[in-house]
Amino acid sequence: MTSNNDMKSGKRTREVARQVRRRKRAEVPAAIVTVTFRHVEPTPAIRDYAERKLSHLSKFLRRACEVHLILGVDKYRQNGEATFKSGDLIVAAQEETKDLYSVIDLLADKLGSQLRKHREKTVTKRVRTRSTGEVLSATETAPGAKPERS
């Protein structure tokens, strides 16, 4: 026999369960960031800064992803390449300035804008059902015709 707690399915219990499901869905795994240095002394400060700036990129896709950052120096030019991989999606960006920190900032901005654009494209491609107005206008144009079901 079940206890009283198992049989409760009131409004409050359903609301709590709904909140738990939303929190689970909202949890985004952090991006795995690997930093490679070319012709530069690998400092923990630059590595931590890069990880902090690039780890938030996974929020655009809400799934596990990897970011590979390559930082290099050629004479007075500081350059960087970043590759974002998540499933079949691969996004890449390159930057070159006089400061490694600004290179990291610019790469994070570029990758973020590319991922935002990708997400907008995928969201707009989703199939939607016909609105009430569309169904009503279709029935008004064809007298005696049955409304289409989608």
C-alpha atoms as a PDB file:
ATOM      1  CA  MET A   1       0.000   0.000   0.000  1.00  0.00           C
ATOM      2  CA  THR A   2       1.276   3.484  -0.810  1.00  0.00           C
ATOM      3  CA  SER A   3       1.671   6.219   1.754  1.00  0.00           C
ATOM      4  CA  ASN A   4      -0.170   9.548   1.715  1.00  0.00           C
ATOM      5  CA  ASN A   5       2.890  11.381   0.382  1.00  0.00           C
ATOM      6  CA  ASP A   6       2.975   9.234  -2.759  1.00  0.00           C
ATOM      7  CA  MET A   7      -0.683   9.902  -3.509  1.00  0.00           C
ATOM      8  CA  LYS A   8      -0.429  13.707  -3.228  1.00  0.00           C
ATOM      9  CA  SER A   9      -0.471  15.353  -6.592  1.00  0.00           C
ATOM     10  CA  GLY A  10      -1.708  18.778  -5.715  1.00  0.00           C
ATOM     11  CA  LYS A  11      -0.979  22.054  -7.354  1.00  0.00           C
ATOM     12  CA  ARG A  12       2.034  22.800  -5.135  1.00  0.00           C
ATOM     13  CA  THR A  13       3.636  19.389  -5.732  1.00  0.00           C
ATOM     14  CA  ARG A  14       3.299  19.729  -9.483  1.00  0.00           C
ATOM     15  CA  GLU A  15       4.795  23.236  -9.351  1.00  0.00           C
ATOM     16  CA  VAL A  16       7.828  22.015  -7.411  1.00  0.00           C
ATOM     17  CA  ALA A  17       8.319  19.156  -9.855  1.00  0.00           C
ATOM     18  CA  ARG A  18       8.070  21.603 -12.764  1.00  0.00           C
ATOM     19  CA  GLN A  19      10.716  23.863 -11.199  1.00  0.00           C
ATOM     20  CA  VAL A  20      13.078  20.916 -10.738  1.00  0.00           C
ATOM     21  CA  ARG A  21      12.666  19.941 -14.401  1.00  0.00           C
ATOM     22  CA  ARG A  22      13.347  23.528 -15.519  1.00  0.00           C
ATOM     23  CA  ARG A  23      16.500  23.717 -13.411  1.00  0.00           C
ATOM     24  CA  LYS A  24      17.758  20.453 -14.882  1.00  0.00           C
ATOM     25  CA  ARG A  25      17.076  21.713 -18.384  1.00  0.00           C
ATOM     26  CA  ALA A  26      18.765  25.046 -17.662  1.00  0.00           C
ATOM     27  CA  GLU A  27      21.986  23.441 -16.441  1.00  0.00           C
ATOM     28  CA  VAL A  28      24.578  23.920 -19.150  1.00  0.00           C
ATOM     29  CA  PRO A  29      27.785  21.894 -19.082  1.00  0.00           C
ATOM     30  CA  ALA A  30      30.832  24.153 -19.087  1.00  0.00           C
ATOM     31  CA  ALA A  31      32.967  24.212 -22.197  1.00  0.00           C
ATOM     32  CA  ILE A  32      36.277  22.376 -22.071  1.00  0.00           C
ATOM     33  CA  VAL A  33      38.914  24.980 -22.901  1.00  0.00           C
ATOM     34  CA  THR A  34      42.421  23.982 -23.970  1.00  0.00           C
ATOM     35  CA  VAL A  35      45.054  26.668 -24.479  1.00  0.00           C
ATOM     36  CA  THR A  36      48.168  26.168 -26.602  1.00  0.00           C
ATOM     37  CA  PHE A  37      51.030  28.673 -26.559  1.00  0.00           C
ATOM     38  CA  ARG A  38      53.358  29.196 -29.544  1.00  0.00           C
ATOM     39  CA  HIS A  39      56.536  31.189 -28.999  1.00  0.00           C
ATOM     40  CA  VAL A  40      55.100  32.520 -25.715  1.00  0.00           C
ATOM     41  CA  GLU A  41      55.837  31.684 -22.097  1.00  0.00           C
ATOM     42  CA  PRO A  42      52.712  29.893 -20.813  1.00  0.00           C
ATOM     43  CA  THR A  43      51.562  31.941 -17.812  1.00  0.00           C
ATOM     44  CA  PRO A  44      48.758  30.824 -15.522  1.00  0.00           C
ATOM     45  CA  ALA A  45      47.228  34.319 -15.639  1.00  0.00           C
ATOM     46  CA  ILE A  46      46.695  34.215 -19.404  1.00  0.00           C
ATOM     47  CA  ARG A  47      45.464  30.613 -19.253  1.00  0.00           C
ATOM     48  CA  ASP A  48      42.935  31.422 -16.499  1.00  0.00           C
ATOM     49  CA  TYR A  49      41.767  34.542 -18.336  1.00  0.00           C
ATOM     50  CA  ALA A  50      41.233  32.567 -21.557  1.00  0.00           C
ATOM     51  CA  GLU A  51      39.338  29.812 -19.746  1.00  0.00           C
ATOM     52  CA  ARG A  52      37.124  32.340 -17.977  1.00  0.00           C
ATOM     53  CA  LYS A  53      36.296  34.247 -21.184  1.00  0.00           C
ATOM     54  CA  LEU A  54      35.675  31.212 -23.413  1.00  0.00           C
ATOM     55  CA  SER A  55      33.994  28.781 -21.007  1.00  0.00           C
ATOM     56  CA  HIS A  56      30.656  30.621 -21.167  1.00  0.00           C
ATOM     57  CA  LEU A  57      30.244  29.918 -24.906  1.00  0.00           C
ATOM     58  CA  SER A  58      28.464  26.625 -24.237  1.00  0.00           C
ATOM     59  CA  LYS A  59      25.367  28.531 -23.084  1.00  0.00           C
ATOM     60  CA  PHE A  60      24.511  29.310 -26.712  1.00  0.00           C
ATOM     61  CA  LEU A  61      23.988  25.647 -27.601  1.00  0.00           C
ATOM     62  CA  ARG A  62      23.148  24.125 -24.201  1.00  0.00           C
ATOM     63  CA  ARG A  63      25.258  21.049 -24.779  1.00  0.00           C
ATOM     64  CA  ALA A  64      28.811  19.855 -24.194  1.00  0.00           C
ATOM     65  CA  CYS A  65      31.484  21.527 -26.280  1.00  0.00           C
ATOM     66  CA  GLU A  66      35.228  22.018 -26.618  1.00  0.00           C
ATOM     67  CA  VAL A  67      37.180  25.192 -27.325  1.00  0.00           C
ATOM     68  CA  HIS A  68      40.775  25.037 -28.535  1.00  0.00           C
ATOM     69  CA  LEU A  69      42.687  28.310 -28.302  1.00  0.00           C
ATOM     70  CA  ILE A  70      46.108  28.814 -29.885  1.00  0.00           C
ATOM     71  CA  LEU A  71      48.012  31.935 -28.804  1.00  0.00           C
ATOM     72  CA  GLY A  72      51.217  32.962 -30.549  1.00  0.00           C
ATOM     73  CA  VAL A  73      53.660  35.834 -30.943  1.00  0.00           C
ATOM     74  CA  ASP A  74      55.449  36.915 -34.140  1.00  0.00           C
ATOM     75  CA  LYS A  75      57.794  39.853 -33.414  1.00  0.00           C
ATOM     76  CA  TYR A  76      55.357  42.564 -32.251  1.00  0.00           C
ATOM     77  CA  ARG A  77      52.138  40.886 -33.330  1.00  0.00           C
ATOM     78  CA  GLN A  78      50.114  38.812 -30.880  1.00  0.00           C
ATOM     79  CA  ASN A  79      47.781  36.472 -32.705  1.00  0.00           C
ATOM     80  CA  GLY A  80      45.247  33.864 -31.728  1.00  0.00           C
ATOM     81  CA  GLU A  81      43.071  31.211 -33.267  1.00  0.00           C
ATOM     82  CA  ALA A  82      40.064  29.648 -31.614  1.00  0.00           C
ATOM     83  CA  THR A  83      38.082  26.589 -32.684  1.00  0.00           C
ATOM     84  CA  PHE A  84      34.729  25.755 -31.103  1.00  0.00           C
ATOM     85  CA  LYS A  85      33.466  22.184 -31.539  1.00  0.00           C
ATOM     86  CA  SER A  86      30.141  20.808 -30.432  1.00  0.00           C
ATOM     87  CA  GLY A  87      28.743  17.742 -32.135  1.00  0.00           C
ATOM     88  CA  ASP A  88      28.800  18.397 -35.888  1.00  0.00           C
ATOM     89  CA  LEU A  89      29.149  22.163 -35.452  1.00  0.00           C
ATOM     90  CA  ILE A  90      32.624  23.680 -35.870  1.00  0.00           C
ATOM     91  CA  VAL A  91      33.148  27.439 -35.560  1.00  0.00           C
ATOM     92  CA  ALA A  92      36.550  29.092 -35.988  1.00  0.00           C
ATOM     93  CA  ALA A  93      37.931  32.614 -35.549  1.00  0.00           C
ATOM     94  CA  GLN A  94      41.294  34.377 -35.871  1.00  0.00           C
ATOM     95  CA  GLU A  95      42.521  37.669 -34.415  1.00  0.00           C
ATOM     96  CA  GLU A  96      45.717  39.694 -34.324  1.00  0.00           C
ATOM     97  CA  THR A  97      46.520  42.715 -32.115  1.00  0.00           C
ATOM     98  CA  LYS A  98      49.323  44.031 -29.911  1.00  0.00           C
ATOM     99  CA  ASP A  99      48.018  42.487 -26.670  1.00  0.00           C
ATOM    100  CA  LEU A 100      47.208  38.836 -25.856  1.00  0.00           C
ATOM    101  CA  TYR A 101      44.362  39.800 -23.520  1.00  0.00           C
ATOM    102  CA  SER A 102      42.649  41.823 -26.249  1.00  0.00           C
ATOM    103  CA  VAL A 103      43.149  38.905 -28.655  1.00  0.00           C
ATOM    104  CA  ILE A 104      41.262  36.663 -26.226  1.00  0.00           C
ATOM    105  CA  ASP A 105      38.489  39.255 -25.817  1.00  0.00           C
ATOM    106  CA  LEU A 106      38.066  39.685 -29.570  1.00  0.00           C
ATOM    107  CA  LEU A 107      38.041  35.927 -30.167  1.00  0.00           C
ATOM    108  CA  ALA A 108      35.371  35.438 -27.499  1.00  0.00           C
ATOM    109  CA  ASP A 109      33.249  38.166 -29.132  1.00  0.00           C
ATOM    110  CA  LYS A 110      33.652  36.676 -32.613  1.00  0.00           C
ATOM    111  CA  LEU A 111      32.804  33.148 -31.518  1.00  0.00           C
ATOM    112  CA  GLY A 112      29.845  34.434 -29.497  1.00  0.00           C
ATOM    113  CA  SER A 113      28.393  36.330 -32.441  1.00  0.00           C
ATOM    114  CA  GLN A 114      28.853  33.355 -34.778  1.00  0.00           C
ATOM    115  CA  LEU A 115      27.147  31.038 -32.290  1.00  0.00           C
ATOM    116  CA  ARG A 116      24.313  33.528 -31.767  1.00  0.00           C
ATOM    117  CA  LYS A 117      23.775  33.703 -35.521  1.00  0.00           C
ATOM    118  CA  HIS A 118      23.801  29.894 -35.781  1.00  0.00           C
ATOM    119  CA  ARG A 119      21.252  29.582 -32.970  1.00  0.00           C
ATOM    120  CA  GLU A 120      18.951  32.156 -34.600  1.00  0.00           C
ATOM    121  CA  LYS A 121      19.055  30.210 -37.853  1.00  0.00           C
ATOM    122  CA  THR A 122      18.177  26.922 -36.178  1.00  0.00           C
ATOM    123  CA  VAL A 123      15.381  28.451 -34.080  1.00  0.00           C
ATOM    124  CA  THR A 124      13.714  30.087 -37.095  1.00  0.00           C
ATOM    125  CA  LYS A 125      13.806  26.813 -39.050  1.00  0.00           C
ATOM    126  CA  ARG A 126      11.627  25.034 -36.512  1.00  0.00           C
ATOM    127  CA  VAL A 127       8.278  23.922 -37.870  1.00  0.00           C
ATOM    128  CA  ARG A 128       5.352  25.823 -36.471  1.00  0.00           C
ATOM    129  CA  THR A 129       1.672  25.060 -36.593  1.00  0.00           C
ATOM    130  CA  ARG A 130      -0.723  27.406 -38.308  1.00  0.00           C
ATOM    131  CA  SER A 131      -2.173  30.169 -36.197  1.00  0.00           C
ATOM    132  CA  THR A 132      -5.885  30.606 -35.603  1.00  0.00           C
ATOM    133  CA  GLY A 133      -5.946  33.592 -37.953  1.00  0.00           C
ATOM    134  CA  GLU A 134      -4.410  31.569 -40.760  1.00  0.00           C
ATOM    135  CA  VAL A 135      -6.898  28.734 -40.283  1.00  0.00           C
ATOM    136  CA  LEU A 136      -9.864  31.132 -40.220  1.00  0.00           C
ATOM    137  CA  SER A 137      -8.687  33.031 -43.301  1.00  0.00           C
ATOM    138  CA  ALA A 138      -8.287  29.742 -45.178  1.00  0.00           C
ATOM    139  CA  THR A 139     -11.889  28.737 -44.360  1.00  0.00           C
ATOM    140  CA  GLU A 140     -13.250  32.161 -45.384  1.00  0.00           C
ATOM    141  CA  THR A 141     -11.620  32.028 -48.801  1.00  0.00           C
ATOM    142  CA  ALA A 142     -13.018  28.606 -49.658  1.00  0.00           C
ATOM    143  CA  PRO A 143     -16.747  28.463 -48.898  1.00  0.00           C
ATOM    144  CA  GLY A 144     -17.949  25.062 -47.794  1.00  0.00           C
ATOM    145  CA  ALA A 145     -14.419  23.715 -47.516  1.00  0.00           C
ATOM    146  CA  LYS A 146     -13.256  21.998 -44.383  1.00  0.00           C
ATOM    147  CA  PRO A 147     -10.357  23.656 -42.520  1.00  0.00           C
ATOM    148  CA  GLU A 148      -6.991  22.012 -43.066  1.00  0.00           C
ATOM    149  CA  ARG A 149      -5.425  20.133 -40.211  1.00  0.00           C
ATOM    150  CA  SER A 150      -1.730  20.405 -39.625  1.00  0.00           C
END
